[in-house]
Amino acid sequence: MCLLMLGDGDVHRPWVRRIALASVLLGAVFAFRLVELAGSGALSVYRVGDWPAPFGIVLVIDRLAALMLALTAAVAAPVLLYANGGWDSQGRHFHALFQFQLMGLNGAFVTGDLFNLFVFFEVLLIASYVLMTHGLGRDRLRIGTQYVVLNLLASAVFLVGIALIYALTGTLNLADLALRVPWVPAPEAALLQAGALLLLVVFGFKAALVPLAMWLPGTYAAASAPVAALFAIMTKVGVYAIWRVHGVVFGADAGPSAFTVQPILLPLALATCVVGVLGALAAHTLPRL
């Protein structure tokens, strides 16, 4: 990434494009190899710094995580090829920001704890905001400012939800949470459920779940084609986080906190489908469609 930033400019752009494309293609090779390894059902866990869980950072690869990595790589490669056709020259440091965005996407899919999920969400926010305003333009700056303000509010809600869960369980590791949440006493379960609902608000915002989808149409319409393609993966991060956190931690074995969000999740999902279809029928331009 540093090489891509240092090489920014017309003179070095051909080399920057080659390095960026080679990086994405190499990542795709590793992603599809991980799909093959995860196909057996085995769970791969990497402990960063060799610190044991739940105290250290863990990266976890299972079938779903591997498939999401492969999906990201499958989208990133053609997007970068398109951008290399000339769009990357409309602003500075496009390729470094593109790699930064991919790091946030991949990290969100493989992280094994809530705090690092928050960190990767912030990585996504930083990279996506700058990429969205790449090439400038009044509409992009206006929509980009709205986008970053709303995401900062979501980040604050995320921190409050994390704080509630940590205060009651003493851990943020997802596997450890799945073991501790069922033993939270019933009088304290209401606070734990409040934390789970706050996380649903954050993940629903990232996934553009109705009624939290107000940012999506304008953002897609203002963003350029390569950036909009990456944003399509970003919404999947929200869906993935809902599945991971509320399926693993607050699932059937969560004791008093079991199925905290499921009663409202299905109506919201159906409402999102209906609003999405109606919005597509009413769209007059391809980006809004």
C-alpha atoms as a PDB file:
ATOM      1  CA  MET A   1       0.000   0.000   0.000  1.00  0.00           C
ATOM      2  CA  CYS A   2       2.872   2.380   0.799  1.00  0.00           C
ATOM      3  CA  LEU A   3       4.403   1.655  -2.613  1.00  0.00           C
ATOM      4  CA  LEU A   4       1.080   2.469  -4.244  1.00  0.00           C
ATOM      5  CA  MET A   5       0.898   5.806  -2.417  1.00  0.00           C
ATOM      6  CA  LEU A   6       4.519   6.745  -3.090  1.00  0.00           C
ATOM      7  CA  GLY A   7       4.104   5.894  -6.747  1.00  0.00           C
ATOM      8  CA  ASP A   8       1.077   8.111  -7.246  1.00  0.00           C
ATOM      9  CA  GLY A   9       1.406  10.253 -10.387  1.00  0.00           C
ATOM     10  CA  ASP A  10       1.338  10.011 -14.160  1.00  0.00           C
ATOM     11  CA  VAL A  11       4.952   8.846 -14.431  1.00  0.00           C
ATOM     12  CA  HIS A  12       4.553   5.847 -12.138  1.00  0.00           C
ATOM     13  CA  ARG A  13       0.895   5.066 -12.843  1.00  0.00           C
ATOM     14  CA  PRO A  14       1.549   2.040 -15.148  1.00  0.00           C
ATOM     15  CA  TRP A  15       3.639   0.378 -12.440  1.00  0.00           C
ATOM     16  CA  VAL A  16       1.114   1.260  -9.751  1.00  0.00           C
ATOM     17  CA  ARG A  17      -1.630  -0.346 -11.821  1.00  0.00           C
ATOM     18  CA  ARG A  18       0.412  -3.512 -12.283  1.00  0.00           C
ATOM     19  CA  ILE A  19       1.239  -3.788  -8.584  1.00  0.00           C
ATOM     20  CA  ALA A  20      -2.372  -3.189  -7.556  1.00  0.00           C
ATOM     21  CA  LEU A  21      -3.729  -5.716 -10.042  1.00  0.00           C
ATOM     22  CA  ALA A  22      -1.127  -8.315  -9.048  1.00  0.00           C
ATOM     23  CA  SER A  23      -2.083  -7.818  -5.398  1.00  0.00           C
ATOM     24  CA  VAL A  24      -5.786  -8.303  -6.113  1.00  0.00           C
ATOM     25  CA  LEU A  25      -5.188 -11.377  -8.275  1.00  0.00           C
ATOM     26  CA  LEU A  26      -2.904 -12.905  -5.641  1.00  0.00           C
ATOM     27  CA  GLY A  27      -5.571 -12.254  -3.033  1.00  0.00           C
ATOM     28  CA  ALA A  28      -8.108 -13.981  -5.278  1.00  0.00           C
ATOM     29  CA  VAL A  29      -5.865 -17.051  -5.515  1.00  0.00           C
ATOM     30  CA  PHE A  30      -5.609 -17.239  -1.729  1.00  0.00           C
ATOM     31  CA  ALA A  31      -9.352 -16.641  -1.317  1.00  0.00           C
ATOM     32  CA  PHE A  32     -10.333 -19.499  -3.621  1.00  0.00           C
ATOM     33  CA  ARG A  33      -7.735 -21.711  -1.974  1.00  0.00           C
ATOM     34  CA  LEU A  34      -9.384 -20.958   1.375  1.00  0.00           C
ATOM     35  CA  VAL A  35     -12.746 -21.936  -0.114  1.00  0.00           C
ATOM     36  CA  GLU A  36     -11.230 -25.270  -1.060  1.00  0.00           C
ATOM     37  CA  LEU A  37      -9.754 -25.785   2.408  1.00  0.00           C
ATOM     38  CA  ALA A  38     -12.976 -24.773   4.161  1.00  0.00           C
ATOM     39  CA  GLY A  39     -15.017 -27.105   1.968  1.00  0.00           C
ATOM     40  CA  SER A  40     -14.242 -29.992   4.304  1.00  0.00           C
ATOM     41  CA  GLY A  41     -16.011 -28.178   7.133  1.00  0.00           C
ATOM     42  CA  ALA A  42     -12.821 -27.609   9.104  1.00  0.00           C
ATOM     43  CA  LEU A  43     -12.460 -24.360  11.042  1.00  0.00           C
ATOM     44  CA  SER A  44      -9.174 -22.492  10.567  1.00  0.00           C
ATOM     45  CA  VAL A  45      -8.122 -20.121  13.359  1.00  0.00           C
ATOM     46  CA  TYR A  46      -5.130 -17.780  13.279  1.00  0.00           C
ATOM     47  CA  ARG A  47      -4.010 -16.156  16.536  1.00  0.00           C
ATOM     48  CA  VAL A  48      -2.398 -12.788  15.828  1.00  0.00           C
ATOM     49  CA  GLY A  49       0.806 -12.437  17.861  1.00  0.00           C
ATOM     50  CA  ASP A  50       0.225 -15.995  19.127  1.00  0.00           C
ATOM     51  CA  TRP A  51      -1.933 -14.630  21.945  1.00  0.00           C
ATOM     52  CA  PRO A  52      -4.500 -17.226  23.044  1.00  0.00           C
ATOM     53  CA  ALA A  53      -8.205 -16.533  22.661  1.00  0.00           C
ATOM     54  CA  PRO A  54     -10.176 -14.812  24.075  1.00  0.00           C
ATOM     55  CA  PHE A  55      -7.391 -12.400  25.105  1.00  0.00           C
ATOM     56  CA  GLY A  56      -5.757 -12.003  21.710  1.00  0.00           C
ATOM     57  CA  ILE A  57      -6.999 -11.175  18.233  1.00  0.00           C
ATOM     58  CA  VAL A  58      -8.224 -14.204  16.312  1.00  0.00           C
ATOM     59  CA  LEU A  59      -9.051 -14.545  12.640  1.00  0.00           C
ATOM     60  CA  VAL A  60     -11.478 -17.342  11.808  1.00  0.00           C
ATOM     61  CA  ILE A  61     -12.122 -18.983   8.450  1.00  0.00           C
ATOM     62  CA  ASP A  62     -15.100 -21.260   7.880  1.00  0.00           C
ATOM     63  CA  ARG A  63     -17.145 -21.955   4.758  1.00  0.00           C
ATOM     64  CA  LEU A  64     -19.149 -18.749   4.955  1.00  0.00           C
ATOM     65  CA  ALA A  65     -16.132 -16.524   5.623  1.00  0.00           C
ATOM     66  CA  ALA A  66     -14.186 -18.172   2.798  1.00  0.00           C
ATOM     67  CA  LEU A  67     -17.081 -17.690   0.382  1.00  0.00           C
ATOM     68  CA  MET A  68     -17.335 -14.008   1.302  1.00  0.00           C
ATOM     69  CA  LEU A  69     -13.599 -13.576   0.736  1.00  0.00           C
ATOM     70  CA  ALA A  70     -13.940 -15.238  -2.659  1.00  0.00           C
ATOM     71  CA  LEU A  71     -16.929 -13.038  -3.532  1.00  0.00           C
ATOM     72  CA  THR A  72     -14.957  -9.919  -2.618  1.00  0.00           C
ATOM     73  CA  ALA A  73     -12.031 -11.034  -4.765  1.00  0.00           C
ATOM     74  CA  ALA A  74     -14.336 -11.910  -7.669  1.00  0.00           C
ATOM     75  CA  VAL A  75     -15.783  -8.387  -7.597  1.00  0.00           C
ATOM     76  CA  ALA A  76     -12.512  -6.563  -6.904  1.00  0.00           C
ATOM     77  CA  ALA A  77     -10.586  -7.935  -9.893  1.00  0.00           C
ATOM     78  CA  PRO A  78     -12.938  -6.737 -12.684  1.00  0.00           C
ATOM     79  CA  VAL A  79     -13.573  -3.473 -10.817  1.00  0.00           C
ATOM     80  CA  LEU A  80      -9.849  -2.750 -10.747  1.00  0.00           C
ATOM     81  CA  LEU A  81      -9.473  -3.654 -14.411  1.00  0.00           C
ATOM     82  CA  TYR A  82     -12.231  -1.175 -15.227  1.00  0.00           C
ATOM     83  CA  ALA A  83     -10.670   1.527 -13.056  1.00  0.00           C
ATOM     84  CA  ASN A  84      -7.289   0.977 -14.716  1.00  0.00           C
ATOM     85  CA  GLY A  85      -8.876   2.056 -17.975  1.00  0.00           C
ATOM     86  CA  GLY A  86      -8.477   5.665 -16.881  1.00  0.00           C
ATOM     87  CA  TRP A  87     -10.872   6.351 -14.034  1.00  0.00           C
ATOM     88  CA  ASP A  88      -8.096   5.920 -11.446  1.00  0.00           C
ATOM     89  CA  SER A  89      -6.349   9.018 -12.821  1.00  0.00           C
ATOM     90  CA  GLN A  90      -9.185  11.368 -11.803  1.00  0.00           C
ATOM     91  CA  GLY A  91      -7.832  11.736  -8.265  1.00  0.00           C
ATOM     92  CA  ARG A  92      -4.934  10.890  -5.988  1.00  0.00           C
ATOM     93  CA  HIS A  93      -4.102   7.607  -4.291  1.00  0.00           C
ATOM     94  CA  PHE A  94      -6.973   5.614  -5.786  1.00  0.00           C
ATOM     95  CA  HIS A  95      -5.088   2.304  -5.735  1.00  0.00           C
ATOM     96  CA  ALA A  96      -3.873   2.678  -2.151  1.00  0.00           C
ATOM     97  CA  LEU A  97      -7.417   3.476  -1.010  1.00  0.00           C
ATOM     98  CA  PHE A  98      -8.775   0.566  -3.045  1.00  0.00           C
ATOM     99  CA  GLN A  99      -6.425  -1.847  -1.239  1.00  0.00           C
ATOM    100  CA  PHE A 100      -7.334  -0.217   2.082  1.00  0.00           C
ATOM    101  CA  GLN A 101     -10.996  -0.841   1.326  1.00  0.00           C
ATOM    102  CA  LEU A 102     -10.327  -4.472   0.473  1.00  0.00           C
ATOM    103  CA  MET A 103      -8.447  -4.873   3.752  1.00  0.00           C
ATOM    104  CA  GLY A 104     -11.470  -3.603   5.658  1.00  0.00           C
ATOM    105  CA  LEU A 105     -13.860  -5.880   3.773  1.00  0.00           C
ATOM    106  CA  ASN A 106     -11.735  -9.001   4.201  1.00  0.00           C
ATOM    107  CA  GLY A 107     -10.984  -8.201   7.833  1.00  0.00           C
ATOM    108  CA  ALA A 108     -14.672  -7.819   8.665  1.00  0.00           C
ATOM    109  CA  PHE A 109     -15.363 -11.249   7.184  1.00  0.00           C
ATOM    110  CA  VAL A 110     -12.651 -13.103   9.127  1.00  0.00           C
ATOM    111  CA  THR A 111     -12.470 -11.341  12.490  1.00  0.00           C
ATOM    112  CA  GLY A 112     -13.465 -13.399  15.492  1.00  0.00           C
ATOM    113  CA  ASP A 113     -14.343 -10.635  17.962  1.00  0.00           C
ATOM    114  CA  LEU A 114     -16.645  -7.640  18.153  1.00  0.00           C
ATOM    115  CA  PHE A 115     -14.043  -4.963  18.801  1.00  0.00           C
ATOM    116  CA  ASN A 116     -12.011  -5.809  15.727  1.00  0.00           C
ATOM    117  CA  LEU A 117     -15.239  -5.908  13.743  1.00  0.00           C
ATOM    118  CA  PHE A 118     -15.676  -2.296  14.862  1.00  0.00           C
ATOM    119  CA  VAL A 119     -12.096  -1.514  13.796  1.00  0.00           C
ATOM    120  CA  PHE A 120     -12.631  -2.958  10.327  1.00  0.00           C
ATOM    121  CA  PHE A 121     -15.916  -1.061  10.026  1.00  0.00           C
ATOM    122  CA  GLU A 122     -13.935   2.135  10.634  1.00  0.00           C
ATOM    123  CA  VAL A 123     -11.367   1.111   8.022  1.00  0.00           C
ATOM    124  CA  LEU A 124     -14.247   0.684   5.584  1.00  0.00           C
ATOM    125  CA  LEU A 125     -15.653   4.087   6.524  1.00  0.00           C
ATOM    126  CA  ILE A 126     -12.366   5.930   5.958  1.00  0.00           C
ATOM    127  CA  ALA A 127     -11.585   4.276   2.640  1.00  0.00           C
ATOM    128  CA  SER A 128     -15.133   4.384   1.280  1.00  0.00           C
ATOM    129  CA  TYR A 129     -15.579   8.081   2.071  1.00  0.00           C
ATOM    130  CA  VAL A 130     -12.409   9.104   0.218  1.00  0.00           C
ATOM    131  CA  LEU A 131     -13.166   6.763  -2.685  1.00  0.00           C
ATOM    132  CA  MET A 132     -16.674   8.113  -2.949  1.00  0.00           C
ATOM    133  CA  THR A 133     -15.421  11.686  -3.332  1.00  0.00           C
ATOM    134  CA  HIS A 134     -12.706  10.558  -5.758  1.00  0.00           C
ATOM    135  CA  GLY A 135     -12.947  12.749  -8.824  1.00  0.00           C
ATOM    136  CA  LEU A 136     -14.639  15.477  -6.753  1.00  0.00           C
ATOM    137  CA  GLY A 137     -17.913  17.084  -7.864  1.00  0.00           C
ATOM    138  CA  ARG A 138     -20.415  18.980  -5.716  1.00  0.00           C
ATOM    139  CA  ASP A 139     -22.905  16.110  -5.496  1.00  0.00           C
ATOM    140  CA  ARG A 140     -20.235  13.633  -4.436  1.00  0.00           C
ATOM    141  CA  LEU A 141     -18.932  15.943  -1.716  1.00  0.00           C
ATOM    142  CA  ARG A 142     -22.451  16.616  -0.402  1.00  0.00           C
ATOM    143  CA  ILE A 143     -23.526  12.972  -0.397  1.00  0.00           C
ATOM    144  CA  GLY A 144     -20.128  11.924   0.936  1.00  0.00           C
ATOM    145  CA  THR A 145     -20.449  14.297   3.889  1.00  0.00           C
ATOM    146  CA  GLN A 146     -23.912  12.954   4.711  1.00  0.00           C
ATOM    147  CA  TYR A 147     -22.588   9.419   4.380  1.00  0.00           C
ATOM    148  CA  VAL A 148     -19.684   9.920   6.773  1.00  0.00           C
ATOM    149  CA  VAL A 149     -21.809  11.767   9.374  1.00  0.00           C
ATOM    150  CA  LEU A 150     -24.403   8.985   9.448  1.00  0.00           C
ATOM    151  CA  ASN A 151     -21.682   6.350   9.670  1.00  0.00           C
ATOM    152  CA  LEU A 152     -20.007   8.162  12.553  1.00  0.00           C
ATOM    153  CA  LEU A 153     -23.323   8.115  14.417  1.00  0.00           C
ATOM    154  CA  ALA A 154     -23.590   4.389  13.705  1.00  0.00           C
ATOM    155  CA  SER A 155     -20.046   3.922  15.028  1.00  0.00           C
ATOM    156  CA  ALA A 156     -21.004   5.645  18.288  1.00  0.00           C
ATOM    157  CA  VAL A 157     -24.005   3.326  18.649  1.00  0.00           C
ATOM    158  CA  PHE A 158     -21.719   0.364  17.917  1.00  0.00           C
ATOM    159  CA  LEU A 159     -19.383   1.366  20.762  1.00  0.00           C
ATOM    160  CA  VAL A 160     -22.296   1.696  23.201  1.00  0.00           C
ATOM    161  CA  GLY A 161     -23.555  -1.767  22.238  1.00  0.00           C
ATOM    162  CA  ILE A 162     -20.079  -3.255  22.625  1.00  0.00           C
ATOM    163  CA  ALA A 163     -19.674  -1.583  26.031  1.00  0.00           C
ATOM    164  CA  LEU A 164     -22.952  -3.044  27.303  1.00  0.00           C
ATOM    165  CA  ILE A 165     -22.065  -6.537  26.153  1.00  0.00           C
ATOM    166  CA  TYR A 166     -18.533  -6.364  27.563  1.00  0.00           C
ATOM    167  CA  ALA A 167     -19.746  -5.009  30.910  1.00  0.00           C
ATOM    168  CA  LEU A 168     -22.075  -7.989  31.339  1.00  0.00           C
ATOM    169  CA  THR A 169     -19.907 -10.781  29.910  1.00  0.00           C
ATOM    170  CA  GLY A 170     -16.294  -9.636  30.259  1.00  0.00           C
ATOM    171  CA  THR A 171     -15.395 -10.651  26.711  1.00  0.00           C
ATOM    172  CA  LEU A 172     -15.870  -9.614  23.085  1.00  0.00           C
ATOM    173  CA  ASN A 173     -14.621 -12.800  21.450  1.00  0.00           C
ATOM    174  CA  LEU A 174     -17.587 -14.245  19.530  1.00  0.00           C
ATOM    175  CA  ALA A 175     -16.897 -17.868  20.469  1.00  0.00           C
ATOM    176  CA  ASP A 176     -16.411 -16.926  24.121  1.00  0.00           C
ATOM    177  CA  LEU A 177     -19.566 -14.794  24.049  1.00  0.00           C
ATOM    178  CA  ALA A 178     -21.538 -17.784  22.780  1.00  0.00           C
ATOM    179  CA  LEU A 179     -20.462 -19.630  25.943  1.00  0.00           C
ATOM    180  CA  ARG A 180     -21.004 -16.785  28.421  1.00  0.00           C
ATOM    181  CA  VAL A 181     -24.229 -15.174  27.215  1.00  0.00           C
ATOM    182  CA  PRO A 182     -26.453 -18.117  28.339  1.00  0.00           C
ATOM    183  CA  TRP A 183     -25.134 -17.680  31.902  1.00  0.00           C
ATOM    184  CA  VAL A 184     -25.959 -13.994  32.226  1.00  0.00           C
ATOM    185  CA  PRO A 185     -28.556 -13.751  35.042  1.00  0.00           C
ATOM    186  CA  ALA A 186     -32.108 -13.035  33.975  1.00  0.00           C
ATOM    187  CA  PRO A 187     -32.241  -9.628  35.778  1.00  0.00           C
ATOM    188  CA  GLU A 188     -29.267  -8.465  33.664  1.00  0.00           C
ATOM    189  CA  ALA A 189     -30.479 -10.047  30.438  1.00  0.00           C
ATOM    190  CA  ALA A 190     -32.488  -6.934  29.548  1.00  0.00           C
ATOM    191  CA  LEU A 191     -29.286  -4.874  29.314  1.00  0.00           C
ATOM    192  CA  LEU A 192     -27.667  -7.597  27.241  1.00  0.00           C
ATOM    193  CA  GLN A 193     -30.644  -7.628  24.902  1.00  0.00           C
ATOM    194  CA  ALA A 194     -30.399  -3.840  24.623  1.00  0.00           C
ATOM    195  CA  GLY A 195     -26.796  -4.267  23.511  1.00  0.00           C
ATOM    196  CA  ALA A 196     -27.882  -6.842  20.939  1.00  0.00           C
ATOM    197  CA  LEU A 197     -30.552  -4.480  19.604  1.00  0.00           C
ATOM    198  CA  LEU A 198     -28.023  -1.646  19.314  1.00  0.00           C
ATOM    199  CA  LEU A 199     -25.782  -3.926  17.278  1.00  0.00           C
ATOM    200  CA  LEU A 200     -28.738  -4.748  15.042  1.00  0.00           C
ATOM    201  CA  VAL A 201     -29.232  -1.022  14.429  1.00  0.00           C
ATOM    202  CA  VAL A 202     -25.592  -0.687  13.366  1.00  0.00           C
ATOM    203  CA  PHE A 203     -25.532  -3.796  11.199  1.00  0.00           C
ATOM    204  CA  GLY A 204     -28.918  -2.915   9.728  1.00  0.00           C
ATOM    205  CA  PHE A 205     -27.567   0.495   8.774  1.00  0.00           C
ATOM    206  CA  LYS A 206     -24.560  -1.096   7.059  1.00  0.00           C
ATOM    207  CA  ALA A 207     -26.855  -3.569   5.291  1.00  0.00           C
ATOM    208  CA  ALA A 208     -29.292  -0.797   4.257  1.00  0.00           C
ATOM    209  CA  LEU A 209     -32.133  -2.484   6.120  1.00  0.00           C
ATOM    210  CA  VAL A 210     -35.397  -0.512   6.133  1.00  0.00           C
ATOM    211  CA  PRO A 211     -35.868   1.992   7.800  1.00  0.00           C
ATOM    212  CA  LEU A 212     -32.086   2.569   7.897  1.00  0.00           C
ATOM    213  CA  ALA A 213     -31.559   2.531   4.134  1.00  0.00           C
ATOM    214  CA  MET A 214     -31.941   6.263   3.482  1.00  0.00           C
ATOM    215  CA  TRP A 215     -28.247   6.673   2.711  1.00  0.00           C
ATOM    216  CA  LEU A 216     -28.070   4.034  -0.018  1.00  0.00           C
ATOM    217  CA  PRO A 217     -29.872   5.452  -3.118  1.00  0.00           C
ATOM    218  CA  GLY A 218     -28.107   8.809  -3.071  1.00  0.00           C
ATOM    219  CA  THR A 219     -24.747   7.215  -2.355  1.00  0.00           C
ATOM    220  CA  TYR A 220     -25.011   4.790  -5.262  1.00  0.00           C
ATOM    221  CA  ALA A 221     -26.189   7.558  -7.574  1.00  0.00           C
ATOM    222  CA  ALA A 222     -23.315   9.885  -6.643  1.00  0.00           C
ATOM    223  CA  ALA A 223     -20.540   7.274  -6.608  1.00  0.00           C
ATOM    224  CA  SER A 224     -18.642   6.272  -9.712  1.00  0.00           C
ATOM    225  CA  ALA A 225     -19.104   2.781 -11.155  1.00  0.00           C
ATOM    226  CA  PRO A 226     -16.009   1.163  -9.533  1.00  0.00           C
ATOM    227  CA  VAL A 227     -16.837   2.594  -6.119  1.00  0.00           C
ATOM    228  CA  ALA A 228     -20.513   1.628  -6.370  1.00  0.00           C
ATOM    229  CA  ALA A 229     -19.446  -1.946  -7.124  1.00  0.00           C
ATOM    230  CA  LEU A 230     -17.409  -2.054  -3.913  1.00  0.00           C
ATOM    231  CA  PHE A 231     -20.321  -0.528  -2.000  1.00  0.00           C
ATOM    232  CA  ALA A 232     -22.401  -3.503  -3.122  1.00  0.00           C
ATOM    233  CA  ILE A 233     -20.007  -5.712  -1.140  1.00  0.00           C
ATOM    234  CA  MET A 234     -20.108  -3.337   1.842  1.00  0.00           C
ATOM    235  CA  THR A 235     -23.823  -3.914   2.338  1.00  0.00           C
ATOM    236  CA  LYS A 236     -23.104  -7.641   2.498  1.00  0.00           C
ATOM    237  CA  VAL A 237     -20.800  -6.955   5.447  1.00  0.00           C
ATOM    238  CA  GLY A 238     -23.841  -5.782   7.403  1.00  0.00           C
ATOM    239  CA  VAL A 239     -25.836  -8.888   6.504  1.00  0.00           C
ATOM    240  CA  TYR A 240     -22.849 -11.079   7.369  1.00  0.00           C
ATOM    241  CA  ALA A 241     -22.436  -9.362  10.756  1.00  0.00           C
ATOM    242  CA  ILE A 242     -26.114  -9.908  11.587  1.00  0.00           C
ATOM    243  CA  TRP A 243     -25.760 -13.585  10.753  1.00  0.00           C
ATOM    244  CA  ARG A 244     -22.540 -13.998  12.720  1.00  0.00           C
ATOM    245  CA  VAL A 245     -23.376 -12.060  15.868  1.00  0.00           C
ATOM    246  CA  HIS A 246     -27.092 -12.692  16.231  1.00  0.00           C
ATOM    247  CA  GLY A 247     -26.913 -16.235  14.915  1.00  0.00           C
ATOM    248  CA  VAL A 248     -23.879 -17.411  16.896  1.00  0.00           C
ATOM    249  CA  VAL A 249     -24.076 -15.335  20.081  1.00  0.00           C
ATOM    250  CA  PHE A 250     -27.815 -14.689  20.443  1.00  0.00           C
ATOM    251  CA  GLY A 251     -29.114 -17.865  18.856  1.00  0.00           C
ATOM    252  CA  ALA A 252     -31.097 -20.770  20.294  1.00  0.00           C
ATOM    253  CA  ASP A 253     -28.555 -21.500  23.052  1.00  0.00           C
ATOM    254  CA  ALA A 254     -28.355 -17.938  24.433  1.00  0.00           C
ATOM    255  CA  GLY A 255     -30.590 -18.601  27.439  1.00  0.00           C
ATOM    256  CA  PRO A 256     -32.767 -15.606  28.423  1.00  0.00           C
ATOM    257  CA  SER A 257     -31.301 -13.626  25.510  1.00  0.00           C
ATOM    258  CA  ALA A 258     -32.090 -16.231  22.858  1.00  0.00           C
ATOM    259  CA  PHE A 259     -33.562 -14.910  19.595  1.00  0.00           C
ATOM    260  CA  THR A 260     -33.444 -11.300  20.773  1.00  0.00           C
ATOM    261  CA  VAL A 261     -33.764  -9.771  17.306  1.00  0.00           C
ATOM    262  CA  GLN A 262     -35.414 -12.549  15.311  1.00  0.00           C
ATOM    263  CA  PRO A 263     -39.022 -11.386  15.938  1.00  0.00           C
ATOM    264  CA  ILE A 264     -38.301  -8.010  14.316  1.00  0.00           C
ATOM    265  CA  LEU A 265     -35.672  -9.090  11.798  1.00  0.00           C
ATOM    266  CA  LEU A 266     -38.033 -10.934   9.444  1.00  0.00           C
ATOM    267  CA  PRO A 267     -40.553  -8.044   9.145  1.00  0.00           C
ATOM    268  CA  LEU A 268     -37.688  -5.609   8.527  1.00  0.00           C
ATOM    269  CA  ALA A 269     -36.214  -7.889   5.872  1.00  0.00           C
ATOM    270  CA  LEU A 270     -39.576  -8.215   4.113  1.00  0.00           C
ATOM    271  CA  ALA A 271     -40.087  -4.445   4.283  1.00  0.00           C
ATOM    272  CA  THR A 272     -36.629  -3.956   2.768  1.00  0.00           C
ATOM    273  CA  CYS A 273     -37.521  -6.251  -0.129  1.00  0.00           C
ATOM    274  CA  VAL A 274     -40.785  -4.398  -0.789  1.00  0.00           C
ATOM    275  CA  VAL A 275     -39.220  -0.924  -0.556  1.00  0.00           C
ATOM    276  CA  GLY A 276     -36.324  -2.042  -2.752  1.00  0.00           C
ATOM    277  CA  VAL A 277     -38.657  -3.314  -5.475  1.00  0.00           C
ATOM    278  CA  LEU A 278     -40.815  -0.173  -5.371  1.00  0.00           C
ATOM    279  CA  GLY A 279     -37.719   2.020  -5.434  1.00  0.00           C
ATOM    280  CA  ALA A 280     -36.348   0.142  -8.438  1.00  0.00           C
ATOM    281  CA  LEU A 281     -39.647   0.594 -10.291  1.00  0.00           C
ATOM    282  CA  ALA A 282     -39.596   4.320  -9.557  1.00  0.00           C
ATOM    283  CA  ALA A 283     -35.937   4.827 -10.514  1.00  0.00           C
ATOM    284  CA  HIS A 284     -35.266   6.945 -13.598  1.00  0.00           C
ATOM    285  CA  THR A 285     -31.497   6.445 -13.800  1.00  0.00           C
ATOM    286  CA  LEU A 286     -29.318   3.333 -13.846  1.00  0.00           C
ATOM    287  CA  PRO A 287     -27.281   4.244 -10.711  1.00  0.00           C
ATOM    288  CA  ARG A 288     -30.457   4.643  -8.631  1.00  0.00           C
ATOM    289  CA  LEU A 289     -31.842   1.420 -10.051  1.00  0.00           C
END
